[in-house]
Amino acid sequence: MSTETTVVVEHVGPARKRLRITIPASVVDAGLKDAYSSARAEAQVPGFRRGTAPIALIEKRFGAAIVEDLRRKLLSEAYGKALQDHKLQPISDPEVDEKAGEPEVKRGTPLAVTLDVEIVPDITLPALEDVEVRRPVTDIPEKLVDAEVRALGFRFGTPGRIDGPFQPLDRMVGRAVVRVKGAAKDPYFEADECMVVVPDAEDAGKGQVLGLMFDDLGPKLEGRKVGDAIVLSTKGPAAHEREELRNADITVEFTPSQAERIEPSTPESVATTLGLGSIENLRQQVRMTLESRRDQEQRSAMREQAAEWLEGKVSFELPEKMSGAQVARNLEMARMQFLSQGLESEQVERRLAEIRGASEADTRRRLKVFFILAKLAQDLGIEVGEGEVNGQVAQMARSRGMRPDQMRAELQQSGRLNELALSIREAKVLDRVLAKAKVTDIKAEEWNALVAERQKAAAKSAG
């Protein structure tokens, strides 16, 4: 009888492998025997001294938990050994074949499982000697300081209940019913406490609801009141992390049950609240914050150029179809980057909605860059230590007025610590590339014009 676990590796597409793992019955039986013996030695069973309860009783009382622990242990060990033996480098958790159901542990029966795993593709990297990037440079104009002081006024303002009519920056909470044309489930999603903010004048009417961008959100909301049924329609992004929403006709029926309008605090009041004493000190503090944000955005723009250079220099096959897990991972990495820049939650959600609504081609480029940077990190030996993660968590906590332990607990609870580490790793890799790059300064106005022109061209091409 075989005692060796067998692994069959199949190529199921670019950067994806299918592992068919079979753990022989002899290994399963031995594992069950050891697991029950260990449980018997430790279990406290009424009427029996420790270690003397019948195995049959142990199985009856604790069998389900023991079998589940053993199943996870056997599969985890077999999966890890399969990766090592076949020199596979996964970049995401394996996906279990849902049609086959959960593999069961039974005496005298092999334990078999089929896993699809996304791996680092075979990539040939270019020499990093010819990278050229532009560094946007600018001073902070007074109008930006004015805008930030205004934003702080709303942040520290006094909310007051209103019924309507709604105007820019009003906030409302209400019931949202999402319907997707052709979906098996109707409604597709419901939320009793969906929060919606009327877009500011500078947003040109655009805003996000439930992670989706609506070009006409402002006109749809302005002038309405509590209790009105507001119907919003959009086309699902081509690369949404939920595959059933891609290119789908989506309708959101939103009925606000309560709303509030912020009466902004005066600059004097904000300065007092922040312990700055005077408007002059407030403006100096705001300027320092904006300069720090400018420097971060400058670095981000340079990293983006380095990533684009790499993307243009490297050719390899991407998965034919982007999985929801791939798209969601990239979105969460972007979330971590935005939070690290000190953006408010509403700003983060808007940025994510914009990314979610980007073209499929742009999303595929982001995925390609992820693979390239993963390979570069491996070749350059770049890793992320616990201290680096803690430092980033502390920075994010400061920007949101939280304690670092609260911030970490929030990230851990939402499962985002891994994406934070990945975003730190990507930044370190790109900074290593930029260390060898030729850097040319460009005025921020010229840079913004170039970016706008490229976005316009990309949108035209996608349309």
Protein backbone atom coordinates (compact mmCIF):
# COMPACT_ATOMS: atom_id res chain seq x y z
CA MET A 1 0.00 0.00 0.00
CA SER A 2 1.40 3.39 -1.01
CA THR A 3 2.39 5.83 1.71
CA GLU A 4 3.44 8.63 -0.64
CA THR A 5 1.20 11.58 -1.41
CA THR A 6 0.80 12.04 -5.15
CA VAL A 7 0.57 15.39 -6.89
CA VAL A 8 -0.42 15.93 -10.50
CA VAL A 9 0.27 19.45 -11.81
CA GLU A 10 -1.71 20.70 -14.81
CA HIS A 11 -1.26 23.91 -16.75
CA VAL A 12 -4.72 25.50 -16.87
CA GLY A 13 -3.76 28.88 -18.25
CA PRO A 14 -1.13 31.58 -18.03
CA ALA A 15 0.10 32.00 -14.46
CA ARG A 16 -2.31 29.31 -13.19
CA LYS A 17 -1.69 25.72 -12.20
CA ARG A 18 -4.09 23.00 -11.10
CA LEU A 19 -2.85 20.68 -8.37
CA ARG A 20 -4.55 17.32 -7.97
CA ILE A 21 -3.37 16.12 -4.57
CA THR A 22 -4.10 12.61 -3.28
CA ILE A 23 -3.14 11.63 0.25
CA PRO A 24 -3.17 7.81 0.55
CA ALA A 25 -5.55 6.01 2.89
CA SER A 26 -2.64 4.69 4.98
CA VAL A 27 -1.57 8.24 5.83
CA VAL A 28 -5.15 9.22 6.63
CA ASP A 29 -5.61 6.18 8.90
CA ALA A 30 -2.33 6.84 10.70
CA GLY A 31 -3.31 10.47 11.18
CA LEU A 32 -6.69 9.52 12.62
CA LYS A 33 -5.09 7.04 15.00
CA ASP A 34 -2.58 9.59 16.27
CA ALA A 35 -5.22 12.34 16.52
CA TYR A 36 -7.63 10.23 18.55
CA SER A 37 -4.83 8.95 20.78
CA SER A 38 -3.70 12.53 21.50
CA ALA A 39 -7.27 13.62 22.18
CA ARG A 40 -7.82 10.65 24.50
CA ALA A 41 -4.70 11.53 26.49
CA GLU A 42 -5.85 15.13 27.00
CA ALA A 43 -9.65 14.86 27.18
CA GLN A 44 -11.57 15.27 30.42
CA VAL A 45 -14.51 12.85 30.17
CA PRO A 46 -16.89 12.51 33.15
CA GLY A 47 -16.62 9.07 34.74
CA PHE A 48 -13.13 8.35 33.40
CA ARG A 49 -9.63 9.26 34.51
CA ARG A 50 -7.65 11.34 32.04
CA GLY A 51 -6.39 9.08 29.25
CA THR A 52 -8.69 6.12 30.01
CA ALA A 53 -11.90 7.00 28.13
CA PRO A 54 -12.76 4.55 25.32
CA ILE A 55 -11.71 5.67 21.84
CA ALA A 56 -15.30 5.15 20.65
CA LEU A 57 -16.51 7.68 23.21
CA ILE A 58 -13.77 10.12 22.20
CA GLU A 59 -14.87 9.78 18.58
CA LYS A 60 -18.50 10.36 19.49
CA ARG A 61 -17.87 13.46 21.61
CA PHE A 62 -14.97 15.11 19.80
CA GLY A 63 -14.83 13.38 16.43
CA ALA A 64 -16.06 16.25 14.24
CA ALA A 65 -13.47 18.72 15.58
CA ILE A 66 -10.67 16.15 15.50
CA VAL A 67 -11.43 15.16 11.90
CA GLU A 68 -11.62 18.82 10.77
CA ASP A 69 -8.27 19.65 12.41
CA LEU A 70 -6.69 16.61 10.79
CA ARG A 71 -8.13 17.47 7.39
CA ARG A 72 -6.65 20.95 7.52
CA LYS A 73 -3.31 19.65 8.77
CA LEU A 74 -2.98 16.97 6.07
CA LEU A 75 -4.02 19.29 3.24
CA SER A 76 -1.81 22.13 4.43
CA GLU A 77 1.25 19.89 4.67
CA ALA A 78 0.56 18.28 1.29
CA TYR A 79 0.00 21.65 -0.39
CA GLY A 80 3.20 23.12 1.05
CA LYS A 81 5.23 20.08 -0.04
CA ALA A 82 3.68 20.20 -3.53
CA LEU A 83 4.74 23.82 -3.95
CA GLN A 84 8.25 23.03 -2.77
CA ASP A 85 8.68 19.88 -4.87
CA HIS A 86 7.38 21.50 -8.06
CA LYS A 87 9.06 24.87 -7.44
CA LEU A 88 5.80 26.82 -7.64
CA GLN A 89 5.59 30.32 -6.15
CA PRO A 90 1.98 31.23 -5.33
CA ILE A 91 0.90 34.84 -5.15
CA SER A 92 -2.58 34.21 -3.76
CA ASP A 93 -4.43 31.64 -1.71
CA PRO A 94 -5.39 28.48 -3.60
CA GLU A 95 -8.92 28.12 -4.94
CA VAL A 96 -10.68 24.85 -4.13
CA ASP A 97 -12.84 23.19 -6.77
CA GLU A 98 -16.27 24.11 -5.39
CA LYS A 99 -18.08 21.55 -7.56
CA ALA A 100 -16.16 18.73 -5.92
CA GLY A 101 -17.18 19.87 -2.44
CA GLU A 102 -15.04 19.75 0.68
CA PRO A 103 -12.76 16.67 0.78
CA GLU A 104 -13.69 14.35 3.64
CA VAL A 105 -11.47 12.40 6.01
CA LYS A 106 -12.62 8.76 6.26
CA ARG A 107 -10.89 5.62 7.44
CA GLY A 108 -9.60 3.48 4.61
CA THR A 109 -10.21 6.23 2.04
CA PRO A 110 -7.64 8.49 0.34
CA LEU A 111 -8.04 12.21 0.87
CA ALA A 112 -8.14 13.96 -2.51
CA VAL A 113 -8.44 17.64 -3.37
CA THR A 114 -8.14 19.76 -6.51
CA LEU A 115 -6.68 23.25 -6.14
CA ASP A 116 -6.14 26.03 -8.64
CA VAL A 117 -3.30 28.34 -7.69
CA GLU A 118 -2.11 31.61 -9.19
CA ILE A 119 1.67 31.62 -9.48
CA VAL A 120 4.43 34.02 -10.39
CA PRO A 121 4.68 33.62 -14.17
CA ASP A 122 7.89 32.95 -16.03
CA ILE A 123 9.20 36.47 -16.58
CA THR A 124 12.44 37.72 -18.09
CA LEU A 125 13.27 41.06 -16.51
CA PRO A 126 15.05 43.89 -18.34
CA ALA A 127 18.18 45.66 -17.16
CA LEU A 128 17.23 48.57 -14.93
CA GLU A 129 19.73 51.05 -16.36
CA ASP A 130 17.64 52.95 -18.93
CA VAL A 131 14.66 54.09 -16.87
CA GLU A 132 13.66 57.72 -17.36
CA VAL A 133 11.01 59.45 -15.25
CA ARG A 134 9.68 62.95 -14.73
CA ARG A 135 9.31 64.47 -11.29
CA PRO A 136 6.36 66.90 -10.98
CA VAL A 137 7.41 69.90 -8.93
CA THR A 138 5.23 72.68 -7.57
CA ASP A 139 4.76 75.08 -4.73
CA ILE A 140 1.58 74.95 -2.67
CA PRO A 141 -0.65 77.83 -3.87
CA GLU A 142 -2.79 79.72 -1.40
CA LYS A 143 -5.99 78.43 -3.04
CA LEU A 144 -5.07 74.87 -2.03
CA VAL A 145 -4.50 76.02 1.55
CA ASP A 146 -7.89 77.77 1.41
CA ALA A 147 -9.55 74.58 0.13
CA GLU A 148 -7.97 72.46 2.86
CA VAL A 149 -8.98 74.93 5.58
CA ARG A 150 -12.52 74.78 4.16
CA ALA A 151 -12.44 70.98 4.26
CA LEU A 152 -11.31 71.07 7.89
CA GLY A 153 -14.21 73.38 8.62
CA PHE A 154 -16.61 70.68 7.41
CA ARG A 155 -14.65 67.95 9.19
CA PHE A 156 -14.95 69.70 12.54
CA GLY A 157 -18.33 71.25 11.78
CA THR A 158 -21.65 70.72 13.50
CA PRO A 159 -24.08 68.31 11.86
CA GLY A 160 -27.75 69.20 11.83
CA ARG A 161 -30.72 67.11 10.75
CA ILE A 162 -32.45 68.21 7.55
CA ASP A 163 -35.27 66.94 5.37
CA GLY A 164 -34.14 68.65 2.19
CA PRO A 165 -33.87 69.90 -0.43
CA PHE A 166 -30.40 68.39 -0.66
CA GLN A 167 -27.40 70.41 -1.71
CA PRO A 168 -23.67 69.67 -2.24
CA LEU A 169 -21.91 67.92 0.69
CA ASP A 170 -25.15 66.95 2.41
CA ARG A 171 -24.97 63.43 3.83
CA MET A 172 -27.82 60.97 3.93
CA VAL A 173 -28.44 57.44 5.13
CA GLY A 174 -31.13 55.22 3.78
CA ARG A 175 -32.18 51.96 2.19
CA ALA A 176 -30.49 50.91 -1.04
CA VAL A 177 -31.78 48.12 -3.26
CA VAL A 178 -29.44 46.98 -6.02
CA ARG A 179 -30.82 45.20 -9.06
CA VAL A 180 -28.71 43.63 -11.78
CA LYS A 181 -30.29 42.81 -15.12
CA GLY A 182 -30.06 39.11 -15.83
CA ALA A 183 -28.86 38.17 -12.34
CA ALA A 184 -30.30 35.03 -10.78
CA LYS A 185 -31.09 36.86 -7.56
CA ASP A 186 -33.47 39.82 -7.42
CA PRO A 187 -32.74 42.08 -5.71
CA TYR A 188 -29.03 41.46 -6.05
CA PHE A 189 -28.15 43.31 -2.83
CA GLU A 190 -29.90 45.31 -0.12
CA ALA A 191 -28.51 47.68 2.48
CA ASP A 192 -30.59 49.37 5.17
CA GLU A 193 -27.92 51.93 6.15
CA CYS A 194 -26.29 52.98 2.91
CA MET A 195 -24.53 56.34 3.23
CA VAL A 196 -24.49 58.72 0.28
CA VAL A 197 -22.87 62.15 0.02
CA VAL A 198 -23.98 64.78 -2.48
CA PRO A 199 -20.92 65.53 -4.67
CA ASP A 200 -19.19 68.85 -4.14
CA ALA A 201 -19.32 71.44 -6.90
CA GLU A 202 -15.74 70.65 -7.97
CA ASP A 203 -16.69 66.99 -8.57
CA ALA A 204 -18.80 67.93 -11.61
CA GLY A 205 -21.71 65.80 -10.39
CA LYS A 206 -19.74 62.56 -10.12
CA GLY A 207 -19.87 60.46 -6.98
CA GLN A 208 -19.80 56.93 -5.65
CA VAL A 209 -22.52 54.78 -4.13
CA LEU A 210 -21.70 51.30 -2.83
CA GLY A 211 -18.34 51.41 -4.58
CA LEU A 212 -19.74 52.32 -8.02
CA MET A 213 -19.21 55.64 -9.78
CA PHE A 214 -22.23 57.54 -11.06
CA ASP A 215 -21.60 60.44 -13.45
CA ASP A 216 -24.96 62.04 -12.65
CA LEU A 217 -25.12 61.52 -8.90
CA GLY A 218 -25.18 65.25 -8.13
CA PRO A 219 -28.13 66.09 -10.44
CA LYS A 220 -30.00 63.01 -9.18
CA LEU A 221 -29.68 64.07 -5.53
CA GLU A 222 -29.76 67.85 -5.50
CA GLY A 223 -33.20 69.23 -4.73
CA ARG A 224 -34.52 65.89 -3.42
CA LYS A 225 -35.59 65.24 0.17
CA VAL A 226 -35.89 62.53 2.83
CA GLY A 227 -38.33 59.82 1.77
CA ASP A 228 -37.88 60.36 -1.98
CA ALA A 229 -37.18 57.27 -4.06
CA ILE A 230 -34.06 58.07 -6.07
CA VAL A 231 -33.14 55.75 -8.94
CA LEU A 232 -29.52 55.58 -10.13
CA SER A 233 -28.35 53.58 -13.13
CA THR A 234 -24.92 52.61 -14.39
CA LYS A 235 -23.04 49.99 -16.35
CA GLY A 236 -20.97 47.61 -14.25
CA PRO A 237 -17.20 48.10 -14.73
CA ALA A 238 -15.67 45.65 -17.20
CA ALA A 239 -13.17 44.50 -14.58
CA HIS A 240 -15.26 44.56 -11.40
CA GLU A 241 -14.07 42.17 -8.69
CA ARG A 242 -17.53 40.56 -8.76
CA GLU A 243 -17.57 38.88 -12.14
CA GLU A 244 -21.39 38.87 -12.35
CA LEU A 245 -21.36 42.69 -12.29
CA ARG A 246 -18.98 43.11 -15.22
CA ASN A 247 -20.66 45.08 -18.02
CA ALA A 248 -24.03 44.45 -16.36
CA ASP A 249 -26.91 46.94 -16.26
CA ILE A 250 -27.12 48.00 -12.61
CA THR A 251 -29.88 49.97 -10.93
CA VAL A 252 -29.71 51.32 -7.39
CA GLU A 253 -32.95 52.43 -5.77
CA PHE A 254 -31.99 54.68 -2.86
CA THR A 255 -34.50 56.04 -0.36
CA PRO A 256 -32.93 58.34 2.25
CA SER A 257 -34.47 57.96 5.71
CA GLN A 258 -32.42 60.70 7.36
CA ALA A 259 -30.02 63.39 6.27
CA GLU A 260 -27.72 65.95 7.79
CA ARG A 261 -26.00 69.11 6.72
CA ILE A 262 -22.71 70.16 8.22
CA GLU A 263 -22.49 73.69 9.50
CA PRO A 264 -18.76 74.25 8.98
CA SER A 265 -16.64 75.52 11.82
CA THR A 266 -14.89 78.82 11.34
CA PRO A 267 -11.12 78.78 10.80
CA GLU A 268 -10.74 80.32 14.27
CA SER A 269 -12.72 77.48 15.81
CA VAL A 270 -10.75 74.83 13.90
CA ALA A 271 -7.48 76.37 15.05
CA THR A 272 -8.70 76.27 18.65
CA THR A 273 -9.91 72.67 18.34
CA LEU A 274 -6.53 71.57 17.00
CA GLY A 275 -4.68 73.48 19.70
CA LEU A 276 -2.99 75.78 17.17
CA GLY A 277 -4.12 79.05 18.71
CA SER A 278 -4.48 81.19 15.60
CA ILE A 279 -5.56 81.08 11.96
CA GLU A 280 -1.98 81.83 10.93
CA ASN A 281 -0.72 78.75 12.79
CA LEU A 282 -3.57 76.71 11.30
CA ARG A 283 -2.60 77.74 7.78
CA GLN A 284 1.06 76.95 8.46
CA GLN A 285 0.10 73.49 9.72
CA VAL A 286 -2.15 72.95 6.69
CA ARG A 287 0.65 74.01 4.37
CA MET A 288 3.03 71.52 5.99
CA THR A 289 0.43 68.77 5.60
CA LEU A 290 -0.13 69.65 1.94
CA GLU A 291 3.62 69.73 1.29
CA SER A 292 3.95 66.26 2.80
CA ARG A 293 1.03 65.04 0.69
CA ARG A 294 2.56 66.67 -2.39
CA ASP A 295 5.84 64.87 -1.77
CA GLN A 296 4.02 61.57 -1.41
CA GLU A 297 2.04 62.15 -4.59
CA GLN A 298 5.23 63.18 -6.37
CA ARG A 299 6.87 59.93 -5.33
CA SER A 300 3.73 58.05 -6.33
CA ALA A 301 3.81 59.63 -9.80
CA MET A 302 7.44 58.61 -10.23
CA ARG A 303 6.72 55.08 -9.09
CA GLU A 304 3.83 54.89 -11.54
CA GLN A 305 6.14 55.90 -14.38
CA ALA A 306 8.68 53.27 -13.35
CA ALA A 307 5.89 50.69 -13.30
CA GLU A 308 4.75 51.77 -16.77
CA TRP A 309 8.33 51.48 -18.06
CA LEU A 310 8.59 47.95 -16.71
CA GLU A 311 5.19 47.03 -18.14
CA GLY A 312 6.30 48.20 -21.57
CA LYS A 313 9.59 46.31 -21.44
CA VAL A 314 8.30 42.92 -20.30
CA SER A 315 6.12 40.54 -22.28
CA PHE A 316 4.38 37.45 -20.93
CA GLU A 317 0.96 35.87 -20.95
CA LEU A 318 -1.63 37.01 -18.46
CA PRO A 319 -4.53 34.85 -17.32
CA GLU A 320 -7.21 34.80 -20.00
CA LYS A 321 -9.79 35.96 -17.50
CA MET A 322 -9.16 38.11 -14.47
CA SER A 323 -10.52 36.47 -11.35
CA GLY A 324 -12.44 38.42 -8.76
CA ALA A 325 -9.69 37.61 -6.26
CA GLN A 326 -7.04 39.21 -8.49
CA VAL A 327 -9.04 42.41 -8.96
CA ALA A 328 -10.03 42.59 -5.28
CA ARG A 329 -6.40 42.17 -4.21
CA ASN A 330 -5.27 45.07 -6.39
CA LEU A 331 -8.12 47.24 -5.10
CA GLU A 332 -7.19 46.52 -1.50
CA MET A 333 -3.53 47.31 -2.20
CA ALA A 334 -4.66 50.64 -3.67
CA ARG A 335 -6.78 51.22 -0.56
CA MET A 336 -3.70 50.77 1.63
CA GLN A 337 -1.73 53.23 -0.50
CA PHE A 338 -4.45 55.88 -0.26
CA LEU A 339 -4.84 55.43 3.49
CA SER A 340 -1.06 55.72 3.86
CA GLN A 341 -1.26 59.08 2.07
CA GLY A 342 -3.64 60.34 4.76
CA LEU A 343 -6.77 60.52 2.59
CA GLU A 344 -10.13 60.62 4.34
CA SER A 345 -12.37 57.55 4.10
CA GLU A 346 -14.74 59.23 1.63
CA GLN A 347 -11.83 60.25 -0.59
CA VAL A 348 -10.49 56.69 -0.48
CA GLU A 349 -13.84 55.20 -1.49
CA ARG A 350 -14.15 57.65 -4.36
CA ARG A 351 -10.64 56.84 -5.63
CA LEU A 352 -11.38 53.11 -5.40
CA ALA A 353 -14.63 53.56 -7.30
CA GLU A 354 -12.69 55.38 -10.03
CA ILE A 355 -10.17 52.53 -10.22
CA ARG A 356 -12.99 49.98 -10.23
CA GLY A 357 -14.56 51.84 -13.14
CA ALA A 358 -11.37 51.94 -15.22
CA SER A 359 -11.17 50.07 -18.50
CA GLU A 360 -10.47 46.35 -18.59
CA ALA A 361 -7.21 47.09 -20.42
CA ASP A 362 -6.07 49.37 -17.61
CA THR A 363 -6.98 46.76 -15.00
CA ARG A 364 -5.03 44.12 -16.91
CA ARG A 365 -2.02 46.45 -16.99
CA ARG A 366 -2.23 46.78 -13.21
CA LEU A 367 -2.30 42.99 -12.93
CA LYS A 368 0.70 42.67 -15.24
CA VAL A 369 2.67 45.17 -13.16
CA PHE A 370 1.80 43.21 -10.02
CA PHE A 371 3.37 40.08 -11.50
CA ILE A 372 6.46 41.97 -12.66
CA LEU A 373 7.02 43.58 -9.26
CA ALA A 374 6.51 40.24 -7.51
CA LYS A 375 9.24 38.75 -9.70
CA LEU A 376 11.53 41.75 -9.13
CA ALA A 377 11.02 41.50 -5.37
CA GLN A 378 12.06 37.86 -5.54
CA ASP A 379 15.15 38.52 -7.68
CA LEU A 380 16.24 41.53 -5.63
CA GLY A 381 15.59 39.80 -2.32
CA ILE A 382 13.17 42.48 -1.18
CA GLU A 383 11.02 41.51 1.78
CA VAL A 384 8.78 43.38 4.19
CA GLY A 385 9.48 43.09 7.90
CA GLU A 386 7.01 43.32 10.74
CA GLY A 387 8.59 46.62 11.80
CA GLU A 388 7.85 48.15 8.38
CA VAL A 389 4.23 47.06 8.57
CA ASN A 390 3.91 48.46 12.09
CA GLY A 391 5.47 51.74 10.97
CA GLN A 392 2.97 52.08 8.13
CA VAL A 393 0.11 51.19 10.46
CA ALA A 394 1.28 53.92 12.88
CA GLN A 395 1.40 56.48 10.05
CA MET A 396 -2.09 55.55 8.91
CA ALA A 397 -3.33 55.76 12.48
CA ARG A 398 -1.92 59.27 12.93
CA SER A 399 -3.62 60.50 9.77
CA ARG A 400 -6.97 59.19 11.00
CA GLY A 401 -6.65 60.21 14.64
CA MET A 402 -6.54 56.62 15.90
CA ARG A 403 -4.21 54.64 18.14
CA PRO A 404 -1.87 52.28 16.23
CA ASP A 405 -3.31 49.23 18.00
CA GLN A 406 -6.82 50.27 16.95
CA MET A 407 -5.67 50.73 13.36
CA ARG A 408 -3.93 47.36 13.31
CA ALA A 409 -6.94 45.60 14.81
CA GLU A 410 -9.18 47.16 12.16
CA LEU A 411 -6.87 46.04 9.35
CA GLN A 412 -6.49 42.58 10.84
CA GLN A 413 -10.22 42.15 11.27
CA SER A 414 -10.87 43.13 7.65
CA GLY A 415 -8.06 40.87 6.41
CA ARG A 416 -6.08 43.75 4.89
CA LEU A 417 -2.71 43.37 6.60
CA ASN A 418 -1.47 41.18 3.76
CA GLU A 419 -2.42 43.80 1.16
CA LEU A 420 -0.66 46.45 3.27
CA ALA A 421 2.52 44.35 3.23
CA LEU A 422 2.20 43.86 -0.53
CA SER A 423 1.78 47.60 -1.12
CA ILE A 424 4.89 48.29 0.99
CA ARG A 425 6.81 45.68 -0.99
CA GLU A 426 5.77 47.23 -4.30
CA ALA A 427 6.88 50.67 -3.13
CA LYS A 428 10.27 49.28 -2.07
CA VAL A 429 10.75 47.55 -5.42
CA LEU A 430 9.85 50.65 -7.40
CA ASP A 431 12.11 52.81 -5.24
CA ARG A 432 14.95 50.40 -6.04
CA VAL A 433 14.19 50.92 -9.75
CA LEU A 434 14.03 54.70 -9.30
CA ALA A 435 17.43 54.69 -7.57
CA LYS A 436 18.96 53.95 -10.99
CA ALA A 437 16.60 56.12 -13.04
CA LYS A 438 17.34 59.35 -14.85
CA VAL A 439 15.02 61.94 -13.28
CA THR A 440 13.93 65.15 -15.01
CA ASP A 441 11.88 67.82 -13.24
CA ILE A 442 8.65 69.05 -14.84
CA LYS A 443 6.20 71.70 -13.66
CA ALA A 444 3.13 70.16 -12.04
CA GLU A 445 0.84 72.06 -14.41
CA GLU A 446 2.55 70.51 -17.43
CA TRP A 447 2.50 67.10 -15.79
CA ASN A 448 -1.23 67.33 -15.00
CA ALA A 449 -1.93 68.35 -18.58
CA LEU A 450 -0.01 65.33 -19.87
CA VAL A 451 -1.87 63.01 -17.52
CA ALA A 452 -5.24 64.47 -18.53
CA GLU A 453 -4.37 64.06 -22.21
CA ARG A 454 -3.38 60.44 -21.68
CA GLN A 455 -6.56 59.72 -19.73
CA LYS A 456 -8.61 61.29 -22.50
CA ALA A 457 -6.85 59.19 -25.13
CA ALA A 458 -7.30 56.03 -23.03
CA ALA A 459 -11.01 56.73 -22.57
CA LYS A 460 -11.42 57.32 -26.31
CA SER A 461 -9.60 54.09 -27.09
CA ALA A 462 -11.70 52.13 -24.60
CA GLY A 463 -14.90 53.57 -26.05
